[in-house]
N, C-alpha and C. Protein backbone atom coordinates (compact mmCIF):
# COMPACT_ATOMS: atom_id res chain seq x y z
N MET A 1 0.84 -1.21 0.00
CA MET A 1 0.00 0.00 0.00
C MET A 1 0.86 1.25 0.00
N ILE A 2 1.83 1.29 0.90
CA ILE A 2 2.69 2.48 0.99
C ILE A 2 3.51 2.64 -0.29
N THR A 3 4.06 1.52 -0.77
CA THR A 3 4.88 1.62 -1.99
C THR A 3 4.02 2.06 -3.16
N LYS A 4 2.76 1.64 -3.17
CA LYS A 4 1.85 2.03 -4.26
C LYS A 4 1.67 3.55 -4.25
N VAL A 5 1.47 4.10 -3.06
CA VAL A 5 1.29 5.55 -2.95
C VAL A 5 2.58 6.27 -3.38
N LEU A 6 3.71 5.74 -2.92
CA LEU A 6 4.98 6.37 -3.28
C LEU A 6 5.20 6.34 -4.79
N ASN A 7 4.88 5.21 -5.41
CA ASN A 7 5.08 5.11 -6.86
C ASN A 7 4.20 6.07 -7.62
N SER A 8 2.93 6.19 -7.22
CA SER A 8 2.04 7.10 -7.93
C SER A 8 2.47 8.54 -7.69
N ASN A 9 2.96 8.82 -6.48
CA ASN A 9 3.43 10.16 -6.17
C ASN A 9 4.65 10.49 -7.01
N LYS A 10 5.55 9.51 -7.13
CA LYS A 10 6.76 9.70 -7.93
C LYS A 10 6.39 10.00 -9.38
N ALA A 11 5.43 9.25 -9.90
CA ALA A 11 5.00 9.46 -11.28
C ALA A 11 4.41 10.86 -11.43
N GLY A 12 3.66 11.30 -10.42
CA GLY A 12 3.07 12.64 -10.47
C GLY A 12 4.14 13.71 -10.49
N VAL A 13 5.16 13.53 -9.66
CA VAL A 13 6.25 14.51 -9.60
C VAL A 13 6.99 14.55 -10.93
N VAL A 14 7.30 13.37 -11.47
CA VAL A 14 8.01 13.31 -12.75
C VAL A 14 7.17 13.95 -13.85
N GLY A 15 5.87 13.67 -13.83
CA GLY A 15 4.97 14.25 -14.84
C GLY A 15 4.95 15.77 -14.72
N ALA A 16 4.90 16.27 -13.50
CA ALA A 16 4.87 17.72 -13.29
C ALA A 16 6.16 18.36 -13.79
N ILE A 17 7.28 17.73 -13.51
CA ILE A 17 8.57 18.27 -13.97
C ILE A 17 8.62 18.27 -15.50
N GLU A 18 8.14 17.20 -16.12
CA GLU A 18 8.15 17.14 -17.59
C GLU A 18 7.26 18.23 -18.17
N LEU A 19 6.11 18.46 -17.54
CA LEU A 19 5.21 19.52 -18.02
C LEU A 19 5.89 20.87 -17.90
N MET A 20 6.56 21.11 -16.77
CA MET A 20 7.26 22.38 -16.58
C MET A 20 8.33 22.57 -17.65
N GLU A 21 9.09 21.52 -17.93
CA GLU A 21 10.14 21.62 -18.95
C GLU A 21 9.54 21.88 -20.32
N GLN A 22 8.41 21.21 -20.61
CA GLN A 22 7.75 21.43 -21.90
C GLN A 22 7.29 22.86 -22.03
N ASN A 23 6.65 23.39 -20.98
CA ASN A 23 6.16 24.76 -21.02
C ASN A 23 7.32 25.73 -21.19
N TYR A 24 8.42 25.48 -20.47
CA TYR A 24 9.58 26.35 -20.57
C TYR A 24 10.14 26.33 -21.99
N PHE A 25 10.22 25.13 -22.57
CA PHE A 25 10.77 24.99 -23.91
C PHE A 25 9.89 25.71 -24.92
N LEU A 26 8.57 25.55 -24.79
CA LEU A 26 7.65 26.21 -25.73
C LEU A 26 7.77 27.72 -25.61
N ARG A 27 7.85 28.22 -24.39
CA ARG A 27 7.95 29.66 -24.18
C ARG A 27 9.27 30.16 -24.77
N PHE A 28 10.34 29.40 -24.53
CA PHE A 28 11.65 29.78 -25.05
C PHE A 28 11.63 29.80 -26.57
N ARG A 29 10.98 28.80 -27.18
CA ARG A 29 10.91 28.72 -28.63
C ARG A 29 10.11 29.90 -29.19
N ASP A 30 8.99 30.22 -28.55
CA ASP A 30 8.19 31.37 -29.01
C ASP A 30 9.02 32.64 -28.93
N HIS A 31 9.74 32.79 -27.84
CA HIS A 31 10.56 33.98 -27.65
C HIS A 31 11.63 34.06 -28.73
N SER A 32 12.28 32.94 -29.04
CA SER A 32 13.32 32.93 -30.07
C SER A 32 12.74 33.32 -31.42
N GLN A 33 11.54 32.83 -31.72
CA GLN A 33 10.93 33.15 -33.00
C GLN A 33 10.61 34.64 -33.08
N LYS A 34 10.16 35.22 -31.97
CA LYS A 34 9.88 36.66 -31.97
C LYS A 34 11.16 37.45 -32.21
N VAL A 35 12.24 37.00 -31.60
CA VAL A 35 13.52 37.69 -31.77
C VAL A 35 13.97 37.59 -33.22
N LEU A 36 13.79 36.40 -33.82
CA LEU A 36 14.21 36.20 -35.21
C LEU A 36 13.36 37.05 -36.16
N ASP A 37 12.07 37.17 -35.86
CA ASP A 37 11.21 37.99 -36.72
C ASP A 37 11.62 39.44 -36.54
């Protein structure tokens, strides 16, 4: 039971970090395109 909770929590944390990195990358890409234009 405890390991199950830990595993799902770990997946949630990893998912959140991946989402943050994706958002950062998209924002960075948009910014670069504006600079290039």
